[in-house]
């Protein structure tokens, strides 16, 4: 009985994705679920990778790690070390004198930038309709991400408190 019900919910229809329904006049037909596409020998080779699954997994894992990194950062910067009024050049110089805090901030920078870039890549894929637009938007986003990560890494490791 359960199989009969689920089989009736999956209706092959070329119109299901348009929201126009099956043309029966029933408004519920607009929510018809098409069966999953199957791979064939004509499926392009580039779609047979696990990149999207790995990107999805990275988003989940980096999000969990970022929650702890950011909450720890906020707790230390705003609560334990005297609040915003204590943050200044000397505070940052003292903090980055320790390899632990350099590593903490570096990991937070890299994960936040890669997490955000991966999210933007997904948004671009979803909303950019033309291939050329998608290519340029992702190129600009990739260049900005690489530039920010490299510049942030350079600042963290070459910070000189004796300026």
Protein backbone atom coordinates (compact mmCIF):
# COMPACT_ATOMS: atom_id res chain seq x y z
CA UNK A 1 0.00 0.00 0.00
CA UNK A 2 2.83 2.43 0.87
CA UNK A 3 4.50 1.74 -2.48
CA UNK A 4 1.27 2.42 -4.33
CA UNK A 5 0.94 5.81 -2.63
CA UNK A 6 4.55 6.82 -3.30
CA UNK A 7 4.28 5.65 -6.93
CA UNK A 8 1.29 7.89 -7.50
CA UNK A 9 3.19 10.92 -6.17
CA UNK A 10 5.96 10.55 -8.74
CA UNK A 11 4.58 11.44 -12.13
CA UNK A 12 6.86 11.89 -15.13
CA UNK A 13 5.97 15.28 -16.51
CA UNK A 14 7.83 17.80 -18.60
CA UNK A 15 5.59 20.51 -17.09
CA UNK A 16 6.23 19.84 -13.40
CA UNK A 17 9.16 22.24 -13.13
CA UNK A 18 7.22 25.11 -14.72
CA UNK A 19 4.66 25.24 -11.91
CA UNK A 20 1.89 24.99 -14.52
CA UNK A 21 0.85 21.56 -13.36
CA UNK A 22 -0.23 18.70 -15.57
CA UNK A 23 -3.01 20.63 -17.23
CA UNK A 24 -5.75 18.80 -15.34
CA UNK A 25 -7.00 21.95 -13.63
CA UNK A 26 -6.07 20.64 -10.18
CA UNK A 27 -3.82 23.18 -8.37
CA UNK A 28 -2.08 20.35 -6.51
CA UNK A 29 -0.65 19.13 -9.81
CA UNK A 30 1.84 22.02 -9.70
CA UNK A 31 3.66 20.14 -6.93
CA UNK A 32 4.31 16.96 -8.91
CA UNK A 33 7.73 15.46 -8.25
CA UNK A 34 9.57 14.22 -11.30
CA UNK A 35 11.55 10.99 -11.02
CA UNK A 36 15.30 11.35 -10.50
CA UNK A 37 17.44 11.57 -13.61
CA UNK A 38 19.68 8.62 -14.26
CA UNK A 39 23.20 8.79 -15.60
CA UNK A 40 23.75 7.49 -19.08
CA UNK A 41 26.80 6.98 -21.25
CA UNK A 42 26.11 10.45 -22.67
CA UNK A 43 26.40 12.07 -19.23
CA UNK A 44 29.41 14.41 -19.38
CA UNK A 45 32.48 13.11 -17.59
CA UNK A 46 32.79 16.28 -15.50
CA UNK A 47 29.51 15.62 -13.68
CA UNK A 48 30.71 12.26 -12.41
CA UNK A 49 32.86 13.72 -9.62
CA UNK A 50 32.05 14.09 -5.97
CA UNK A 51 32.87 17.82 -5.87
CA UNK A 52 29.36 18.94 -4.93
CA UNK A 53 29.11 16.32 -2.20
CA UNK A 54 32.50 17.36 -0.82
CA UNK A 55 31.52 21.06 -1.01
CA UNK A 56 28.29 20.25 0.85
CA UNK A 57 30.23 18.32 3.50
CA UNK A 58 32.79 21.13 3.83
CA UNK A 59 29.98 23.64 4.46
CA UNK A 60 28.59 21.56 7.31
CA UNK A 61 31.93 20.77 8.95
CA UNK A 62 33.41 24.25 8.54
CA UNK A 63 30.19 25.75 9.89
CA UNK A 64 30.45 23.71 13.08
CA UNK A 65 34.14 24.59 13.55
CA UNK A 66 33.43 28.27 12.80
CA UNK A 67 30.74 28.41 15.48
CA UNK A 68 33.31 27.42 18.11
CA UNK A 69 36.06 29.64 16.71
CA UNK A 70 33.84 32.72 16.45
CA UNK A 71 32.11 32.24 19.80
CA UNK A 72 35.51 31.73 21.43
CA UNK A 73 36.82 34.83 19.69
CA UNK A 74 33.86 36.93 20.83
CA UNK A 75 34.02 35.56 24.37
CA UNK A 76 37.70 36.38 24.71
CA UNK A 77 37.62 39.74 22.93
CA UNK A 78 34.41 41.12 24.45
CA UNK A 79 33.96 39.43 27.82
CA UNK A 80 37.15 38.04 29.32
CA UNK A 81 39.69 40.66 28.24
CA UNK A 82 37.79 43.72 29.39
CA UNK A 83 35.58 44.49 26.42
CA UNK A 84 35.93 46.54 23.29
CA UNK A 85 37.59 49.47 25.04
CA UNK A 86 40.69 47.34 25.74
CA UNK A 87 41.17 46.32 22.09
CA UNK A 88 43.92 48.31 20.41
CA UNK A 89 47.25 47.96 18.68
CA UNK A 90 48.98 46.74 21.85
CA UNK A 91 46.25 44.16 22.47
CA UNK A 92 46.59 42.75 18.95
CA UNK A 93 50.40 42.83 19.18
CA UNK A 94 50.31 40.88 22.44
CA UNK A 95 47.79 38.42 21.09
CA UNK A 96 49.67 37.73 17.86
CA UNK A 97 52.94 37.25 19.72
CA UNK A 98 51.57 33.79 20.56
CA UNK A 99 51.58 31.11 17.82
CA UNK A 100 48.36 29.74 19.33
CA UNK A 101 46.43 32.96 18.64
CA UNK A 102 48.02 33.35 15.23
CA UNK A 103 46.81 29.84 14.40
CA UNK A 104 43.35 30.54 15.86
CA UNK A 105 42.90 33.70 13.81
CA UNK A 106 44.39 32.13 10.69
CA UNK A 107 42.06 29.14 10.90
CA UNK A 108 39.10 31.46 11.49
CA UNK A 109 40.08 33.58 8.46
CA UNK A 110 40.61 30.66 6.11
CA UNK A 111 37.48 28.77 7.14
CA UNK A 112 35.28 31.87 7.06
CA UNK A 113 36.51 32.94 3.61
CA UNK A 114 36.28 29.47 2.08
CA UNK A 115 32.89 28.85 3.71
CA UNK A 116 31.57 32.16 2.39
CA UNK A 117 33.05 31.65 -1.08
CA UNK A 118 31.52 28.18 -1.29
CA UNK A 119 28.16 29.62 -0.31
CA UNK A 120 28.49 32.39 -2.93
CA UNK A 121 29.45 29.79 -5.53
CA UNK A 122 26.21 27.97 -4.79
CA UNK A 123 24.19 31.20 -5.05
CA UNK A 124 25.87 32.07 -8.36
CA UNK A 125 25.14 28.59 -9.71
CA UNK A 126 21.51 28.91 -8.65
CA UNK A 127 20.78 32.40 -9.96
CA UNK A 128 23.15 33.18 -12.86
CA UNK A 129 21.38 31.93 -15.96
CA UNK A 130 24.03 32.45 -18.64
CA UNK A 131 27.21 30.36 -18.60
CA UNK A 132 29.36 33.41 -19.34
CA UNK A 133 27.81 35.38 -16.46
CA UNK A 134 28.34 32.44 -14.13
CA UNK A 135 31.96 32.11 -15.24
CA UNK A 136 32.75 35.81 -14.67
CA UNK A 137 30.99 36.01 -11.32
CA UNK A 138 32.78 32.92 -10.02
CA UNK A 139 36.10 34.19 -11.38
CA UNK A 140 35.70 37.55 -9.63
CA UNK A 141 34.59 35.83 -6.43
CA UNK A 142 37.54 33.41 -6.59
CA UNK A 143 40.07 36.21 -7.15
CA UNK A 144 38.61 38.22 -4.26
CA UNK A 145 38.71 35.16 -1.99
CA UNK A 146 42.31 34.29 -2.85
CA UNK A 147 43.38 37.94 -2.46
CA UNK A 148 41.71 38.26 0.96
CA UNK A 149 43.07 34.95 2.25
CA UNK A 150 46.61 35.72 1.09
CA UNK A 151 46.55 39.28 2.41
CA UNK A 152 45.10 38.17 5.77
CA UNK A 153 47.65 35.39 6.08
CA UNK A 154 50.45 37.82 5.25
CA UNK A 155 49.23 40.29 7.89
CA UNK A 156 48.94 37.61 10.59
CA UNK A 157 52.44 36.22 10.01
CA UNK A 158 54.31 39.44 9.26
CA UNK A 159 52.70 41.64 11.92
CA UNK A 160 55.41 43.74 13.55
CA UNK A 161 54.53 45.16 16.97
CA UNK A 162 57.55 47.49 16.82
CA UNK A 163 56.04 49.81 14.21
